[in-house]
Structure formats: structure tokens, C-alpha cells
Amino acid sequence: FCTPCLQECLKPKKPVCGVCRSTLSPGSRALDLEKQIETTETTCNGCNKKMFLSKMRSHAASCSKYQSYIMEGVKAVTKEPLHSTRSFPNRFTFPCPYCSEKNFDQEGLVEHCKALHSMDAKQVVCPICASMPWGDPNYRSANFMEHLQRRHRFSYDTFVDYDADEDDMMAQVLMRSLRDK
């Protein structure tokens, strides 16, 4: 979970889990979960070494065979890069959908709109979303300011591989899940 989501879960008088909605006790540790992680055995998909789940993260960081296993999966779902720069949408700078001022990075667009257009109720197309592979360049947000504040707190570039083919990725994950037990 990200910090804002965790904070939302902890806001009510009786804090709840973000997944199952069971009551949380802030500051208390999930001892049953810790015990399960300490006692559940697994096998490294790279070197086939057996270990407890609690040791897997540090092992995976240093196991060259596991790193190769991961890269094999990444290569299987990555498209060939396109050579024509015209076929790439600009995902680095955006125009303001209200006043058409140009060349804002994502953070700059959010700040600009907050400062100058926070009361504008006109429905507009989000230029950030429209530039994404899944974006609809014709979709007009009913409340653009709310959309900006909820959807664009971070840059998609940090988390998205635009060259990965989602269908191939899902097929690869399914194939690996069957092969890896």
C-alpha cells in the first residue's frame, strides 16, 4: 500500500485493513503472519534452493540464476522498440487543457491547474491520460481537478513499461504459474 491509502485505512475510529476490512490495531504486529512467513518453505525459481519465505527476498537479490529467470520473463513480453519517433506520443510535457499553455511536466501541470483553474468546471480531456496507451483522447473528465489530484500524484513512467505487450505479459505469467507449480 502507498502511504495515503494506509492513512485512509487508519482514519476511522476503528481502523480497518485495506484488503479484508477487518479491524486493525495500529502499532500491533501481525504475529501469526510473521510466524507463517518464518515457517513456510519455498523454492527459488532460479537455482532451486529451498528456503523459508522470510529469506527469499534477500536470496533473490543475490541469486544470479533468479535474476536470469526474471529477465527471461521480461524479454518474453517486451516489444521491439519502434524506430520512428513520430509514432511515440509525448509523455513528458503536456498542454493545459483549460488555457492551452504548453510544456508542463506532469507535476507542473498539476500545480498550474491548482493555481489558475481550480474553480473551472469545464469538462476537459486529461492530456496525461490521453497520452497513455490505454488512454482515450476523447474522454472528458467530469471533474478534472479531482481527477488530477487522485490519478496523477506520481508519474506513470516510474511504474509502467510502455514497450511491454500486456497480452503477452499475461500469457507469460499464466505459463510460468503453471510451470512453477
Protein backbone atom coordinates (compact mmCIF):
# COMPACT_ATOMS: atom_id res chain seq x y z
CA PHE A 1 0.00 0.00 0.00
CA CYS A 2 1.05 3.58 -0.52
CA THR A 3 1.14 5.91 2.48
CA PRO A 4 -2.03 7.86 1.55
CA CYS A 5 -4.02 4.61 1.24
CA LEU A 6 -2.73 3.34 4.58
CA GLN A 7 -3.59 6.65 6.19
CA GLU A 8 -7.16 6.36 4.86
CA CYS A 9 -7.44 2.89 6.41
CA LEU A 10 -6.26 4.24 9.75
CA LYS A 11 -8.54 7.35 9.79
CA PRO A 12 -11.77 5.81 11.17
CA LYS A 13 -12.22 5.41 14.93
CA LYS A 14 -11.88 1.68 14.31
CA PRO A 15 -9.13 1.35 11.65
CA VAL A 16 -9.63 -1.40 9.06
CA CYS A 17 -7.48 -3.50 6.76
CA GLY A 18 -7.40 -2.17 3.18
CA VAL A 19 -7.91 -5.67 1.79
CA CYS A 20 -10.33 -7.58 4.02
CA ARG A 21 -11.75 -4.69 6.09
CA SER A 22 -11.05 -6.46 9.38
CA THR A 23 -10.27 -4.27 12.38
CA LEU A 24 -6.67 -3.10 12.73
CA SER A 25 -4.76 -2.25 15.84
CA PRO A 26 -2.17 0.36 14.84
CA GLY A 27 1.24 -0.48 16.18
CA SER A 28 0.50 -4.15 16.83
CA ARG A 29 2.33 -6.70 14.73
CA ALA A 30 0.67 -9.50 12.78
CA LEU A 31 2.46 -12.24 14.70
CA ASP A 32 0.51 -15.04 13.05
CA LEU A 33 1.54 -13.77 9.61
CA GLU A 34 5.15 -13.34 10.70
CA LYS A 35 5.18 -16.91 12.01
CA GLN A 36 3.71 -18.22 8.76
CA ILE A 37 6.38 -16.38 6.73
CA GLU A 38 9.11 -17.75 9.02
CA THR A 39 7.88 -21.37 8.74
CA THR A 40 6.66 -21.65 5.12
CA GLU A 41 9.22 -23.20 2.82
CA THR A 42 9.60 -22.26 -0.84
CA THR A 43 11.98 -22.93 -3.71
CA CYS A 44 13.95 -20.36 -5.69
CA ASN A 45 12.82 -20.39 -9.34
CA GLY A 46 16.40 -19.73 -10.42
CA CYS A 47 18.67 -22.12 -8.51
CA ASN A 48 16.01 -24.42 -6.97
CA LYS A 49 17.43 -23.87 -3.48
CA LYS A 50 14.87 -24.44 -0.69
CA MET A 51 14.41 -21.75 1.96
CA PHE A 52 11.83 -20.07 4.16
CA LEU A 53 9.76 -17.24 2.69
CA SER A 54 11.37 -14.84 5.16
CA LYS A 55 14.74 -15.40 3.43
CA MET A 56 13.50 -15.27 -0.17
CA ARG A 57 13.80 -11.51 -0.73
CA SER A 58 17.46 -11.33 0.28
CA HIS A 59 18.22 -14.54 -1.63
CA ALA A 60 16.53 -13.26 -4.81
CA ALA A 61 18.61 -10.07 -4.66
CA SER A 62 21.86 -12.04 -4.75
CA CYS A 63 20.94 -15.12 -6.85
CA SER A 64 22.19 -14.62 -10.42
CA LYS A 65 20.07 -17.55 -11.65
CA TYR A 66 16.93 -15.93 -10.22
CA GLN A 67 17.87 -12.64 -11.90
CA SER A 68 18.25 -14.51 -15.22
CA TYR A 69 14.86 -16.15 -14.66
CA ILE A 70 13.24 -12.73 -14.16
CA MET A 71 14.98 -11.22 -17.21
CA GLU A 72 13.86 -14.15 -19.33
CA GLY A 73 10.27 -13.28 -18.45
CA VAL A 74 10.82 -9.58 -19.12
CA LYS A 75 12.35 -10.28 -22.55
CA ALA A 76 9.43 -12.56 -23.43
CA VAL A 77 6.91 -9.73 -23.03
CA THR A 78 8.88 -6.71 -24.31
CA LYS A 79 8.07 -5.45 -27.79
CA GLU A 80 10.75 -4.43 -30.22
CA PRO A 81 11.33 -0.70 -29.81
CA LEU A 82 9.82 1.43 -32.52
CA HIS A 83 12.36 3.36 -34.57
CA SER A 84 10.11 6.13 -35.80
CA THR A 85 9.97 8.88 -33.18
CA ARG A 86 6.72 10.15 -34.72
CA SER A 87 4.87 7.06 -33.54
CA PHE A 88 5.70 7.83 -29.88
CA PRO A 89 3.24 10.04 -28.05
CA ASN A 90 4.83 12.75 -25.95
CA ARG A 91 4.58 11.56 -22.35
CA PHE A 92 6.94 14.14 -20.88
CA THR A 93 5.28 17.51 -21.48
CA PHE A 94 1.61 18.42 -21.61
CA PRO A 95 -0.56 21.40 -22.51
CA CYS A 96 -3.04 22.84 -20.05
CA PRO A 97 -6.50 21.69 -21.19
CA TYR A 98 -8.03 24.97 -19.98
CA CYS A 99 -5.75 27.70 -21.35
CA SER A 100 -3.55 25.69 -23.78
CA GLU A 101 -0.31 26.89 -22.17
CA LYS A 102 2.27 24.28 -23.21
CA ASN A 103 5.29 22.34 -21.99
CA PHE A 104 4.28 21.38 -18.46
CA ASP A 105 5.71 18.24 -16.97
CA GLN A 106 3.15 16.22 -15.04
CA GLU A 107 3.87 17.87 -11.70
CA GLY A 108 3.93 21.31 -13.33
CA LEU A 109 0.54 20.74 -14.97
CA VAL A 110 -0.98 19.73 -11.63
CA GLU A 111 0.45 22.83 -9.91
CA HIS A 112 -0.58 25.14 -12.79
CA CYS A 113 -4.16 23.86 -12.78
CA LYS A 114 -4.40 24.09 -8.98
CA ALA A 115 -3.16 27.68 -9.05
CA LEU A 116 -5.08 29.02 -12.04
CA HIS A 117 -8.01 26.73 -12.81
CA SER A 118 -9.17 25.23 -9.51
CA MET A 119 -12.66 26.74 -9.88
CA ASP A 120 -13.10 25.98 -13.60
CA ALA A 121 -15.91 23.42 -14.00
CA LYS A 122 -15.47 22.95 -17.76
CA GLN A 123 -15.17 19.28 -18.74
CA VAL A 124 -11.78 18.69 -20.39
CA VAL A 125 -9.65 15.83 -21.68
CA CYS A 126 -6.75 14.92 -19.40
CA PRO A 127 -3.64 15.31 -21.59
CA ILE A 128 -1.65 12.93 -19.35
CA CYS A 129 -4.18 10.10 -19.65
CA ALA A 130 -4.72 10.77 -23.36
CA SER A 131 -1.00 10.14 -23.97
CA MET A 132 -1.10 6.69 -22.34
CA PRO A 133 -1.56 3.51 -24.41
CA TRP A 134 -4.85 2.86 -22.60
CA GLY A 135 -5.97 6.50 -22.66
CA ASP A 136 -9.00 7.76 -24.58
CA PRO A 137 -8.13 11.09 -26.25
CA ASN A 138 -11.84 11.97 -26.41
CA TYR A 139 -12.83 11.24 -22.80
CA ARG A 140 -13.77 14.41 -20.93
CA SER A 141 -13.37 14.27 -17.17
CA ALA A 142 -16.42 15.49 -15.24
CA ASN A 143 -14.16 16.93 -12.53
CA PHE A 144 -10.67 17.41 -13.92
CA MET A 145 -9.20 18.94 -10.76
CA GLU A 146 -10.32 15.96 -8.65
CA HIS A 147 -9.01 13.63 -11.36
CA LEU A 148 -5.59 15.33 -11.31
CA GLN A 149 -5.30 15.11 -7.55
CA ARG A 150 -6.33 11.44 -7.38
CA ARG A 151 -4.78 9.99 -10.54
CA HIS A 152 -1.62 11.98 -11.02
CA ARG A 153 0.11 12.02 -7.63
CA PHE A 154 3.01 10.12 -9.22
CA SER A 155 4.49 9.70 -12.68
CA TYR A 156 3.40 6.62 -14.60
CA ASP A 157 6.91 6.38 -16.07
CA THR A 158 8.09 5.12 -12.69
CA PHE A 159 5.81 2.09 -12.81
CA VAL A 160 4.93 1.38 -16.46
CA ASP A 161 6.93 -0.33 -19.20
CA TYR A 162 5.35 1.11 -22.35
CA ASP A 163 7.17 -1.43 -24.52
CA ALA A 164 5.64 -4.44 -22.73
CA ASP A 165 2.73 -6.09 -24.50
CA GLU A 166 0.01 -6.71 -21.89
CA ASP A 167 -1.48 -9.76 -23.64
CA ASP A 168 1.95 -11.37 -23.97
CA MET A 169 2.68 -10.49 -20.35
CA MET A 170 -0.49 -12.20 -19.12
CA ALA A 171 0.20 -15.28 -21.25
CA GLN A 172 3.76 -15.41 -19.88
CA VAL A 173 2.54 -15.10 -16.27
CA LEU A 174 -0.02 -17.88 -16.77
CA MET A 175 2.54 -20.12 -18.45
CA ARG A 176 5.07 -19.52 -15.66
CA SER A 177 2.48 -20.07 -12.92
CA LEU A 178 1.67 -23.49 -14.36
CA ARG A 179 5.33 -24.38 -14.89
CA ASP A 180 6.46 -23.10 -11.47
CA LYS A 181 3.83 -25.12 -9.59
